[in-house]
């Protein structure tokens, strides 16, 4: 299985793409050093082609199963992604799907949103039971919470959402995140 930790230590900026324009941008030569892409769009017909274009550029690709039309609520998402794409892993909001994906050899990113103290308490229980390779916390501009979570759990943490500039990146990494994910082209160049 892919050692995503090592890859992210080498290149801690993940390109998050949310449409065809972002896909075309991240395929440009100027981003050849950016190795990891989070695919946050598509449908069951287009996702194999999207992943192929990225893999042809030697990218490590994670597909956000909850954002792919036709897969969003299915427990079959990991097996579909494994069978019909060459993706390296999935991003999911469902602990059970993270577990299933790992069983079939996909890397997993378990994504969660911290909205308030209630969601934080709920997430703590979920983190204990999920077997993901990476945790992604959104929004990623909360260094104090990133630091607390990264100290409490051994699973590497990615900060995503609202990462807009160098200080956001530095704050997240200094707080204990292994990487940041962003759809901001300026951040991709860092």
N, C-alpha and C. Protein backbone atom coordinates (compact mmCIF):
# COMPACT_ATOMS: atom_id res chain seq x y z
N UNK A 1 0.84 -1.19 0.00
CA UNK A 1 0.00 0.00 0.00
C UNK A 1 0.89 1.26 0.00
N UNK A 2 0.40 2.28 -0.60
CA UNK A 2 1.08 3.56 -0.71
C UNK A 2 1.42 4.13 0.67
N UNK A 3 2.66 4.62 0.82
CA UNK A 3 3.04 5.30 2.07
C UNK A 3 2.79 6.79 1.90
N UNK A 4 1.56 7.18 2.11
CA UNK A 4 1.14 8.56 1.88
C UNK A 4 1.82 9.53 2.84
N UNK A 5 2.17 9.08 4.01
CA UNK A 5 2.86 9.96 4.97
C UNK A 5 4.16 10.48 4.39
N UNK A 6 4.92 9.59 3.82
CA UNK A 6 6.21 9.98 3.24
C UNK A 6 6.02 10.97 2.10
N UNK A 7 5.04 10.71 1.25
CA UNK A 7 4.77 11.60 0.13
C UNK A 7 4.40 12.99 0.63
N UNK A 8 3.55 13.06 1.66
CA UNK A 8 3.10 14.36 2.17
C UNK A 8 4.20 15.10 2.92
N UNK A 9 5.10 14.38 3.56
CA UNK A 9 6.24 15.06 4.19
C UNK A 9 7.07 15.78 3.14
N UNK A 10 7.21 15.14 1.98
CA UNK A 10 7.99 15.72 0.89
C UNK A 10 7.28 16.90 0.23
N UNK A 11 5.95 16.82 0.14
CA UNK A 11 5.17 17.85 -0.54
C UNK A 11 3.86 18.04 0.21
N UNK A 12 3.81 18.96 1.16
CA UNK A 12 2.66 19.08 2.05
C UNK A 12 1.47 19.89 1.51
N UNK A 13 1.50 20.26 0.22
CA UNK A 13 0.35 20.98 -0.34
C UNK A 13 -0.39 20.04 -1.29
N UNK A 14 -1.63 19.77 -0.96
CA UNK A 14 -2.49 18.90 -1.75
C UNK A 14 -3.38 19.77 -2.63
N UNK A 15 -3.41 19.46 -3.92
CA UNK A 15 -4.28 20.20 -4.83
C UNK A 15 -5.69 19.60 -4.75
N UNK A 16 -6.65 20.41 -4.33
CA UNK A 16 -8.05 19.98 -4.28
C UNK A 16 -8.74 20.56 -5.51
N UNK A 17 -9.32 19.68 -6.33
CA UNK A 17 -9.96 20.16 -7.55
C UNK A 17 -11.46 19.92 -7.48
N UNK A 18 -12.21 20.95 -7.85
CA UNK A 18 -13.66 20.91 -7.71
C UNK A 18 -14.42 21.02 -9.02
N UNK A 19 -13.69 21.14 -10.15
CA UNK A 19 -14.35 21.22 -11.45
C UNK A 19 -13.32 21.02 -12.56
N UNK A 20 -13.79 21.04 -13.82
CA UNK A 20 -12.92 20.84 -14.96
C UNK A 20 -11.84 21.89 -15.09
N UNK A 21 -12.14 23.12 -14.72
CA UNK A 21 -11.14 24.20 -14.78
C UNK A 21 -9.97 23.88 -13.84
N UNK A 22 -10.29 23.45 -12.62
CA UNK A 22 -9.24 23.08 -11.67
C UNK A 22 -8.42 21.89 -12.19
N UNK A 23 -9.10 20.93 -12.82
CA UNK A 23 -8.40 19.78 -13.38
C UNK A 23 -7.39 20.23 -14.43
N UNK A 24 -7.82 21.06 -15.35
CA UNK A 24 -6.91 21.55 -16.39
C UNK A 24 -5.73 22.31 -15.78
N UNK A 25 -6.00 23.10 -14.74
CA UNK A 25 -4.94 23.86 -14.08
C UNK A 25 -3.91 22.94 -13.42
N UNK A 26 -4.38 21.95 -12.69
CA UNK A 26 -3.44 21.10 -11.94
C UNK A 26 -2.63 20.18 -12.86
N UNK A 27 -3.08 20.01 -14.11
CA UNK A 27 -2.33 19.20 -15.07
C UNK A 27 -1.20 19.97 -15.75
N UNK A 28 -1.13 21.28 -15.50
CA UNK A 28 -0.08 22.10 -16.12
C UNK A 28 1.29 21.71 -15.56
N UNK A 29 2.29 21.90 -16.39
CA UNK A 29 3.66 21.55 -16.04
C UNK A 29 4.15 22.25 -14.77
N UNK A 30 3.69 23.47 -14.53
CA UNK A 30 4.16 24.20 -13.35
C UNK A 30 3.79 23.52 -12.04
N UNK A 31 2.84 22.55 -12.09
CA UNK A 31 2.45 21.81 -10.88
C UNK A 31 2.97 20.38 -10.89
N UNK A 32 3.98 20.11 -11.70
CA UNK A 32 4.48 18.74 -11.82
C UNK A 32 5.08 18.23 -10.50
N UNK A 33 5.54 19.13 -9.65
CA UNK A 33 6.10 18.71 -8.36
C UNK A 33 5.01 18.42 -7.32
N UNK A 34 3.79 18.90 -7.56
CA UNK A 34 2.69 18.61 -6.65
C UNK A 34 2.20 17.20 -6.94
N UNK A 35 2.33 16.33 -5.98
CA UNK A 35 2.07 14.91 -6.22
C UNK A 35 0.67 14.44 -5.87
N UNK A 36 0.00 15.08 -4.92
CA UNK A 36 -1.27 14.56 -4.43
C UNK A 36 -2.42 15.47 -4.85
N UNK A 37 -3.50 14.82 -5.33
CA UNK A 37 -4.70 15.55 -5.76
C UNK A 37 -5.91 14.94 -5.08
N UNK A 38 -6.74 15.81 -4.52
CA UNK A 38 -8.05 15.42 -3.99
C UNK A 38 -9.09 15.80 -5.04
N UNK A 39 -9.81 14.83 -5.57
CA UNK A 39 -10.85 15.08 -6.57
C UNK A 39 -12.18 15.23 -5.83
N UNK A 40 -12.76 16.44 -5.95
CA UNK A 40 -13.97 16.78 -5.20
C UNK A 40 -15.17 16.99 -6.12
N UNK A 41 -15.19 16.30 -7.24
CA UNK A 41 -16.32 16.45 -8.17
C UNK A 41 -16.36 15.25 -9.11
N UNK A 42 -17.38 15.23 -9.95
CA UNK A 42 -17.50 14.20 -10.96
C UNK A 42 -18.77 13.39 -10.77
N UNK A 43 -18.94 12.41 -11.64
CA UNK A 43 -20.05 11.48 -11.51
C UNK A 43 -19.54 10.09 -11.91
N UNK A 44 -20.40 9.10 -11.84
CA UNK A 44 -19.92 7.74 -12.08
C UNK A 44 -19.46 7.53 -13.51
N UNK A 45 -19.89 8.37 -14.44
CA UNK A 45 -19.41 8.26 -15.82
C UNK A 45 -18.07 8.97 -16.02
N UNK A 46 -17.87 10.11 -15.37
CA UNK A 46 -16.67 10.92 -15.63
C UNK A 46 -15.50 10.61 -14.71
N UNK A 47 -15.74 10.04 -13.56
CA UNK A 47 -14.65 9.88 -12.59
C UNK A 47 -13.52 8.98 -13.11
N UNK A 48 -13.79 7.92 -13.87
CA UNK A 48 -12.65 7.15 -14.41
C UNK A 48 -11.75 7.99 -15.32
N UNK A 49 -12.33 8.86 -16.14
CA UNK A 49 -11.55 9.71 -17.04
C UNK A 49 -10.77 10.77 -16.27
N UNK A 50 -11.40 11.37 -15.27
CA UNK A 50 -10.72 12.37 -14.44
C UNK A 50 -9.49 11.75 -13.78
N UNK A 51 -9.68 10.58 -13.18
CA UNK A 51 -8.58 9.91 -12.50
C UNK A 51 -7.48 9.54 -13.50
N UNK A 52 -7.86 9.04 -14.67
CA UNK A 52 -6.86 8.65 -15.67
C UNK A 52 -5.99 9.83 -16.09
N UNK A 53 -6.61 10.98 -16.31
CA UNK A 53 -5.84 12.18 -16.70
C UNK A 53 -4.81 12.52 -15.62
N UNK A 54 -5.21 12.42 -14.38
CA UNK A 54 -4.29 12.72 -13.28
C UNK A 54 -3.19 11.67 -13.16
N UNK A 55 -3.56 10.40 -13.27
CA UNK A 55 -2.57 9.32 -13.18
C UNK A 55 -1.57 9.39 -14.33
N UNK A 56 -2.03 9.82 -15.51
CA UNK A 56 -1.13 9.99 -16.65
C UNK A 56 -0.07 11.05 -16.38
N UNK A 57 -0.32 11.94 -15.42
CA UNK A 57 0.65 12.97 -15.01
C UNK A 57 1.36 12.57 -13.71
N UNK A 58 1.27 11.28 -13.37
CA UNK A 58 1.94 10.72 -12.18
C UNK A 58 1.47 11.32 -10.86
N UNK A 59 0.20 11.62 -10.78
CA UNK A 59 -0.37 12.15 -9.54
C UNK A 59 -0.87 11.00 -8.66
N UNK A 60 -0.87 11.23 -7.38
CA UNK A 60 -1.51 10.33 -6.42
C UNK A 60 -2.91 10.89 -6.21
N UNK A 61 -3.90 10.07 -6.48
CA UNK A 61 -5.27 10.56 -6.58
C UNK A 61 -6.17 9.96 -5.50
N UNK A 62 -6.86 10.86 -4.80
CA UNK A 62 -7.89 10.48 -3.84
C UNK A 62 -9.22 11.03 -4.34
N UNK A 63 -10.23 10.18 -4.42
CA UNK A 63 -11.54 10.58 -4.90
C UNK A 63 -12.46 10.74 -3.69
N UNK A 64 -13.10 11.90 -3.60
CA UNK A 64 -14.05 12.14 -2.51
C UNK A 64 -15.37 11.48 -2.88
N UNK A 65 -15.58 10.28 -2.34
CA UNK A 65 -16.74 9.48 -2.72
C UNK A 65 -18.06 10.19 -2.46
N UNK A 66 -18.13 11.01 -1.45
CA UNK A 66 -19.37 11.69 -1.09
C UNK A 66 -19.73 12.79 -2.08
N UNK A 67 -18.77 13.23 -2.90
CA UNK A 67 -19.00 14.31 -3.85
C UNK A 67 -19.10 13.84 -5.29
N UNK A 68 -18.99 12.54 -5.51
CA UNK A 68 -19.14 11.99 -6.85
C UNK A 68 -20.61 11.60 -7.03
N UNK A 69 -21.25 12.26 -7.96
CA UNK A 69 -22.67 12.01 -8.21
C UNK A 69 -22.87 10.55 -8.59
N UNK A 70 -23.79 9.90 -7.90
CA UNK A 70 -24.06 8.49 -8.15
C UNK A 70 -23.40 7.58 -7.13
N UNK A 71 -22.47 8.11 -6.35
CA UNK A 71 -21.80 7.33 -5.31
C UNK A 71 -22.07 7.85 -3.91
N UNK A 72 -22.55 9.06 -3.81
CA UNK A 72 -22.53 9.81 -2.56
C UNK A 72 -23.11 9.11 -1.34
N UNK A 73 -24.08 8.27 -1.50
CA UNK A 73 -24.64 7.66 -0.29
C UNK A 73 -24.49 6.14 -0.30
N UNK A 74 -23.64 5.62 -1.15
CA UNK A 74 -23.54 4.17 -1.30
C UNK A 74 -22.39 3.57 -0.51
N UNK A 75 -22.67 2.42 0.10
CA UNK A 75 -21.59 1.69 0.76
C UNK A 75 -20.75 0.91 -0.27
N UNK A 76 -21.17 0.95 -1.54
CA UNK A 76 -20.40 0.33 -2.62
C UNK A 76 -19.36 1.27 -3.23
N UNK A 77 -19.30 2.49 -2.76
CA UNK A 77 -18.38 3.49 -3.32
C UNK A 77 -16.93 3.02 -3.36
N UNK A 78 -16.39 2.51 -2.26
CA UNK A 78 -14.98 2.08 -2.33
C UNK A 78 -14.73 1.02 -3.40
N UNK A 79 -15.61 0.03 -3.49
CA UNK A 79 -15.39 -1.02 -4.48
C UNK A 79 -15.56 -0.49 -5.91
N UNK A 80 -16.48 0.45 -6.12
CA UNK A 80 -16.64 1.06 -7.44
C UNK A 80 -15.36 1.80 -7.82
N UNK A 81 -14.85 2.60 -6.90
CA UNK A 81 -13.64 3.38 -7.18
C UNK A 81 -12.46 2.46 -7.45
N UNK A 82 -12.34 1.41 -6.70
CA UNK A 82 -11.25 0.44 -6.90
C UNK A 82 -11.38 -0.26 -8.25
N UNK A 83 -12.58 -0.67 -8.62
CA UNK A 83 -12.80 -1.46 -9.83
C UNK A 83 -12.74 -0.62 -11.11
N UNK A 84 -13.26 0.60 -11.08
CA UNK A 84 -13.43 1.38 -12.31
C UNK A 84 -12.47 2.55 -12.47
N UNK A 85 -11.62 2.78 -11.49
CA UNK A 85 -10.62 3.84 -11.62
C UNK A 85 -9.27 3.30 -11.15
N UNK A 86 -8.27 4.09 -11.37
CA UNK A 86 -6.93 3.75 -10.89
C UNK A 86 -6.56 4.66 -9.71
N UNK A 87 -7.58 5.12 -8.99
CA UNK A 87 -7.34 6.01 -7.84
C UNK A 87 -6.54 5.27 -6.77
N UNK A 88 -5.77 6.05 -6.04
CA UNK A 88 -4.96 5.49 -4.95
C UNK A 88 -5.75 5.39 -3.66
N UNK A 89 -6.82 6.19 -3.56
CA UNK A 89 -7.58 6.17 -2.32
C UNK A 89 -8.86 6.95 -2.43
N UNK A 90 -9.57 6.97 -1.31
CA UNK A 90 -10.82 7.71 -1.21
C UNK A 90 -10.76 8.71 -0.08
N UNK A 91 -11.62 9.70 -0.20
CA UNK A 91 -11.91 10.62 0.89
C UNK A 91 -13.36 10.32 1.25
N UNK A 92 -13.65 10.20 2.51
CA UNK A 92 -15.00 9.84 2.92
C UNK A 92 -15.41 10.53 4.20
N UNK A 93 -16.71 10.63 4.37
CA UNK A 93 -17.30 11.11 5.62
C UNK A 93 -17.85 9.95 6.44
N UNK A 94 -17.70 8.74 5.92
CA UNK A 94 -18.30 7.56 6.54
C UNK A 94 -17.21 6.61 7.03
N UNK A 95 -17.18 6.37 8.33
CA UNK A 95 -16.16 5.50 8.92
C UNK A 95 -16.23 4.09 8.34
N UNK A 96 -17.41 3.58 8.11
CA UNK A 96 -17.55 2.23 7.55
C UNK A 96 -16.93 2.13 6.16
N UNK A 97 -17.10 3.17 5.34
CA UNK A 97 -16.51 3.15 4.01
C UNK A 97 -14.99 3.24 4.07
N UNK A 98 -14.47 3.96 5.05
CA UNK A 98 -13.01 4.00 5.23
C UNK A 98 -12.50 2.60 5.55
N UNK A 99 -13.21 1.92 6.40
CA UNK A 99 -12.83 0.55 6.76
C UNK A 99 -12.86 -0.37 5.54
N UNK A 100 -13.93 -0.30 4.77
CA UNK A 100 -14.08 -1.14 3.58
C UNK A 100 -13.00 -0.83 2.54
N UNK A 101 -12.70 0.44 2.36
CA UNK A 101 -11.69 0.84 1.39
C UNK A 101 -10.32 0.27 1.75
N UNK A 102 -9.98 0.34 3.01
CA UNK A 102 -8.68 -0.21 3.45
C UNK A 102 -8.62 -1.71 3.23
N UNK A 103 -9.75 -2.40 3.43
CA UNK A 103 -9.77 -3.85 3.23
C UNK A 103 -9.45 -4.23 1.79
N UNK A 104 -9.80 -3.37 0.83
CA UNK A 104 -9.56 -3.70 -0.58
C UNK A 104 -8.31 -3.01 -1.14
N UNK A 105 -7.52 -2.40 -0.25
CA UNK A 105 -6.23 -1.88 -0.67
C UNK A 105 -6.19 -0.42 -1.06
N UNK A 106 -7.23 0.34 -0.76
CA UNK A 106 -7.22 1.78 -1.03
C UNK A 106 -6.76 2.53 0.21
N UNK A 107 -6.00 3.59 0.02
CA UNK A 107 -5.68 4.50 1.12
C UNK A 107 -6.95 5.28 1.45
N UNK A 108 -7.04 5.75 2.68
CA UNK A 108 -8.26 6.46 3.08
C UNK A 108 -7.96 7.76 3.79
N UNK A 109 -8.79 8.75 3.46
CA UNK A 109 -8.80 10.03 4.16
C UNK A 109 -10.18 10.15 4.77
N UNK A 110 -10.23 10.24 6.09
CA UNK A 110 -11.51 10.45 6.76
C UNK A 110 -11.65 11.94 7.02
N UNK A 111 -12.64 12.54 6.39
CA UNK A 111 -12.84 14.00 6.45
C UNK A 111 -13.94 14.31 7.47
N UNK A 112 -13.67 15.32 8.30
CA UNK A 112 -14.71 15.74 9.24
C UNK A 112 -14.69 17.26 9.40
N UNK A 113 -15.84 17.76 9.79
CA UNK A 113 -16.03 19.20 9.94
C UNK A 113 -16.16 19.54 11.42
N UNK A 114 -15.42 20.53 11.86
CA UNK A 114 -15.54 21.01 13.23
C UNK A 114 -16.33 22.31 13.20
N UNK A 115 -17.55 22.22 13.65
CA UNK A 115 -18.44 23.38 13.63
C UNK A 115 -18.61 24.00 15.01
N UNK A 116 -18.56 23.15 16.03
CA UNK A 116 -18.77 23.60 17.40
C UNK A 116 -18.28 22.51 18.35
N UNK A 117 -18.44 22.72 19.64
CA UNK A 117 -17.93 21.74 20.61
C UNK A 117 -18.68 20.41 20.51
N UNK A 118 -19.94 20.43 20.12
CA UNK A 118 -20.70 19.20 19.96
C UNK A 118 -20.14 18.35 18.82
N UNK A 119 -19.83 18.99 17.70
CA UNK A 119 -19.25 18.23 16.57
C UNK A 119 -17.86 17.74 16.94
N UNK A 120 -17.12 18.51 17.70
CA UNK A 120 -15.79 18.08 18.12
C UNK A 120 -15.88 16.82 19.00
N UNK A 121 -16.79 16.81 19.95
CA UNK A 121 -16.96 15.63 20.81
C UNK A 121 -17.39 14.41 19.99
N UNK A 122 -18.27 14.61 19.04
CA UNK A 122 -18.72 13.52 18.17
C UNK A 122 -17.57 12.97 17.33
N UNK A 123 -16.75 13.84 16.82
CA UNK A 123 -15.62 13.44 16.00
C UNK A 123 -14.61 12.64 16.80
N UNK A 124 -14.40 12.99 18.05
CA UNK A 124 -13.43 12.26 18.88
C UNK A 124 -13.79 10.78 18.94
N UNK A 125 -15.07 10.48 19.10
CA UNK A 125 -15.50 9.08 19.14
C UNK A 125 -15.30 8.40 17.79
N UNK A 126 -15.60 9.11 16.73
CA UNK A 126 -15.46 8.54 15.39
C UNK A 126 -14.00 8.27 15.06
N UNK A 127 -13.12 9.17 15.41
CA UNK A 127 -11.69 8.99 15.13
C UNK A 127 -11.18 7.71 15.78
N UNK A 128 -11.65 7.43 16.97
CA UNK A 128 -11.21 6.23 17.68
C UNK A 128 -11.59 4.96 16.94
N UNK A 129 -12.70 4.98 16.22
CA UNK A 129 -13.19 3.77 15.57
C UNK A 129 -12.83 3.67 14.09
N UNK A 130 -12.42 4.76 13.46
CA UNK A 130 -12.09 4.69 12.04
C UNK A 130 -10.66 4.20 11.87
N UNK A 131 -10.42 3.54 10.78
CA UNK A 131 -9.07 3.02 10.52
C UNK A 131 -8.46 3.72 9.32
N UNK A 132 -8.59 5.02 9.25
CA UNK A 132 -8.10 5.78 8.11
C UNK A 132 -6.60 5.99 8.17
N UNK A 133 -6.03 6.20 6.97
CA UNK A 133 -4.61 6.52 6.88
C UNK A 133 -4.35 7.97 7.24
N UNK A 134 -5.33 8.83 6.93
CA UNK A 134 -5.21 10.28 7.14
C UNK A 134 -6.54 10.79 7.69
N UNK A 135 -6.47 11.79 8.55
CA UNK A 135 -7.65 12.53 8.99
C UNK A 135 -7.57 13.90 8.34
N UNK A 136 -8.70 14.39 7.84
CA UNK A 136 -8.73 15.75 7.31
C UNK A 136 -9.76 16.55 8.09
N UNK A 137 -9.32 17.65 8.67
CA UNK A 137 -10.19 18.51 9.46
C UNK A 137 -10.50 19.76 8.65
N UNK A 138 -11.78 20.13 8.67
CA UNK A 138 -12.24 21.35 8.01
C UNK A 138 -13.03 22.19 8.99
N UNK A 139 -12.94 23.48 9.00
CA UNK A 139 -11.98 24.26 8.23
C UNK A 139 -10.58 24.12 8.80
N UNK A 140 -9.62 24.29 7.91
CA UNK A 140 -8.22 24.08 8.27
C UNK A 140 -7.52 25.28 8.85
N UNK A 141 -8.28 26.30 9.21
CA UNK A 141 -7.67 27.53 9.72
C UNK A 141 -7.83 27.66 11.23
N UNK A 142 -7.82 26.52 11.92
CA UNK A 142 -7.97 26.50 13.37
C UNK A 142 -6.75 25.83 14.00
N UNK A 143 -5.64 26.53 14.06
CA UNK A 143 -4.41 25.91 14.56
C UNK A 143 -4.54 25.28 15.94
N UNK A 144 -5.28 25.91 16.80
CA UNK A 144 -5.42 25.37 18.16
C UNK A 144 -6.08 23.99 18.14
N UNK A 145 -7.15 23.85 17.36
CA UNK A 145 -7.84 22.56 17.28
C UNK A 145 -6.98 21.53 16.54
N UNK A 146 -6.29 21.95 15.49
CA UNK A 146 -5.40 21.05 14.75
C UNK A 146 -4.34 20.50 15.70
N UNK A 147 -3.76 21.39 16.50
CA UNK A 147 -2.75 20.97 17.46
C UNK A 147 -3.29 19.97 18.47
N UNK A 148 -4.48 20.23 18.98
CA UNK A 148 -5.08 19.33 19.96
C UNK A 148 -5.34 17.95 19.37
N UNK A 149 -5.90 17.92 18.17
CA UNK A 149 -6.22 16.64 17.53
C UNK A 149 -4.95 15.89 17.16
N UNK A 150 -3.97 16.59 16.61
CA UNK A 150 -2.73 15.91 16.18
C UNK A 150 -1.96 15.34 17.37
N UNK A 151 -2.07 15.95 18.53
CA UNK A 151 -1.40 15.43 19.72
C UNK A 151 -2.15 14.23 20.30
N UNK A 152 -3.44 14.22 20.16
CA UNK A 152 -4.27 13.18 20.76
C UNK A 152 -4.32 11.89 19.96
N UNK A 153 -4.21 11.98 18.61
CA UNK A 153 -4.38 10.81 17.75
C UNK A 153 -3.15 10.63 16.88
N UNK A 154 -2.69 9.39 16.72
CA UNK A 154 -1.47 9.15 15.95
C UNK A 154 -1.66 9.24 14.44
N UNK A 155 -2.88 9.24 13.96
CA UNK A 155 -3.13 9.30 12.52
C UNK A 155 -2.75 10.68 11.99
N UNK A 156 -2.01 10.74 10.89
CA UNK A 156 -1.62 12.04 10.32
C UNK A 156 -2.85 12.89 9.99
N UNK A 157 -2.69 14.18 10.14
CA UNK A 157 -3.79 15.12 9.97
C UNK A 157 -3.52 16.07 8.81
N UNK A 158 -4.52 16.27 7.97
CA UNK A 158 -4.49 17.26 6.90
C UNK A 158 -5.47 18.36 7.25
N UNK A 159 -5.07 19.60 7.04
CA UNK A 159 -5.96 20.74 7.27
C UNK A 159 -6.51 21.18 5.92
N UNK A 160 -7.82 21.26 5.81
CA UNK A 160 -8.45 21.65 4.55
C UNK A 160 -9.54 22.67 4.76
N UNK A 161 -9.85 23.40 3.73
CA UNK A 161 -10.94 24.37 3.81
C UNK A 161 -10.46 25.72 4.31
N UNK A 162 -10.67 26.72 3.49
CA UNK A 162 -10.35 28.12 3.78
C UNK A 162 -8.85 28.40 3.90
N UNK A 163 -8.02 27.51 3.38
CA UNK A 163 -6.57 27.74 3.34
C UNK A 163 -6.32 28.68 2.16
N UNK A 164 -5.92 29.92 2.45
CA UNK A 164 -5.85 30.94 1.39
C UNK A 164 -4.47 31.51 1.15
N UNK A 165 -3.60 31.44 2.14
CA UNK A 165 -2.30 32.09 1.94
C UNK A 165 -1.22 31.37 2.75
N UNK A 166 -0.01 31.89 2.61
CA UNK A 166 1.14 31.24 3.25
C UNK A 166 0.99 31.15 4.77
N UNK A 167 0.44 32.17 5.39
CA UNK A 167 0.30 32.11 6.85
C UNK A 167 -0.67 31.01 7.28
N UNK A 168 -1.72 30.77 6.50
CA UNK A 168 -2.64 29.67 6.81
C UNK A 168 -1.91 28.33 6.73
N UNK A 169 -1.08 28.17 5.69
CA UNK A 169 -0.32 26.94 5.50
C UNK A 169 0.66 26.76 6.66
N UNK A 170 1.43 27.78 6.95
CA UNK A 170 2.43 27.71 8.01
C UNK A 170 1.78 27.43 9.36
N UNK A 171 0.68 28.13 9.66
CA UNK A 171 -0.02 27.91 10.94
C UNK A 171 -0.49 26.47 11.08
N UNK A 172 -1.08 25.93 10.01
CA UNK A 172 -1.58 24.55 10.06
C UNK A 172 -0.43 23.55 10.24
N UNK A 173 0.64 23.73 9.49
CA UNK A 173 1.78 22.81 9.60
C UNK A 173 2.46 22.93 10.96
N UNK A 174 2.61 24.15 11.46
CA UNK A 174 3.22 24.34 12.79
C UNK A 174 2.35 23.77 13.90
N UNK A 175 1.04 23.72 13.69
CA UNK A 175 0.13 23.19 14.71
C UNK A 175 0.13 21.67 14.74
N UNK A 176 0.71 21.03 13.71
CA UNK A 176 0.78 19.57 13.73
C UNK A 176 0.19 18.88 12.52
N UNK A 177 -0.37 19.64 11.57
CA UNK A 177 -0.87 19.01 10.34
C UNK A 177 0.32 18.53 9.52
N UNK A 178 0.15 17.42 8.85
CA UNK A 178 1.19 16.88 7.97
C UNK A 178 1.15 17.56 6.61
N UNK A 179 -0.06 18.08 6.25
CA UNK A 179 -0.25 18.73 4.95
C UNK A 179 -1.49 19.60 5.00
N UNK A 180 -1.69 20.38 3.93
CA UNK A 180 -2.92 21.15 3.76
C UNK A 180 -3.50 20.81 2.40
N UNK A 181 -4.83 20.87 2.31
CA UNK A 181 -5.48 20.72 1.01
C UNK A 181 -6.17 22.04 0.68
N UNK A 182 -6.05 22.44 -0.58
CA UNK A 182 -6.61 23.72 -0.97
C UNK A 182 -6.96 23.70 -2.45
N UNK A 183 -8.01 24.45 -2.80
CA UNK A 183 -8.35 24.63 -4.21
C UNK A 183 -7.82 25.97 -4.71
N UNK A 184 -7.05 26.66 -3.90
CA UNK A 184 -6.47 27.96 -4.25
C UNK A 184 -5.17 27.75 -5.02
N UNK A 185 -5.13 28.21 -6.27
CA UNK A 185 -3.96 28.01 -7.13
C UNK A 185 -2.69 28.62 -6.54
N UNK A 186 -2.82 29.75 -5.86
CA UNK A 186 -1.64 30.38 -5.26
C UNK A 186 -1.04 29.48 -4.18
N UNK A 187 -1.88 28.80 -3.44
CA UNK A 187 -1.39 27.87 -2.41
C UNK A 187 -0.70 26.69 -3.06
N UNK A 188 -1.20 26.23 -4.19
CA UNK A 188 -0.57 25.10 -4.89
C UNK A 188 0.87 25.40 -5.26
N UNK A 189 1.18 26.66 -5.46
CA UNK A 189 2.54 27.05 -5.88
C UNK A 189 3.52 27.16 -4.71
N UNK A 190 3.06 27.00 -3.51
CA UNK A 190 3.94 27.16 -2.34
C UNK A 190 4.84 25.97 -2.15
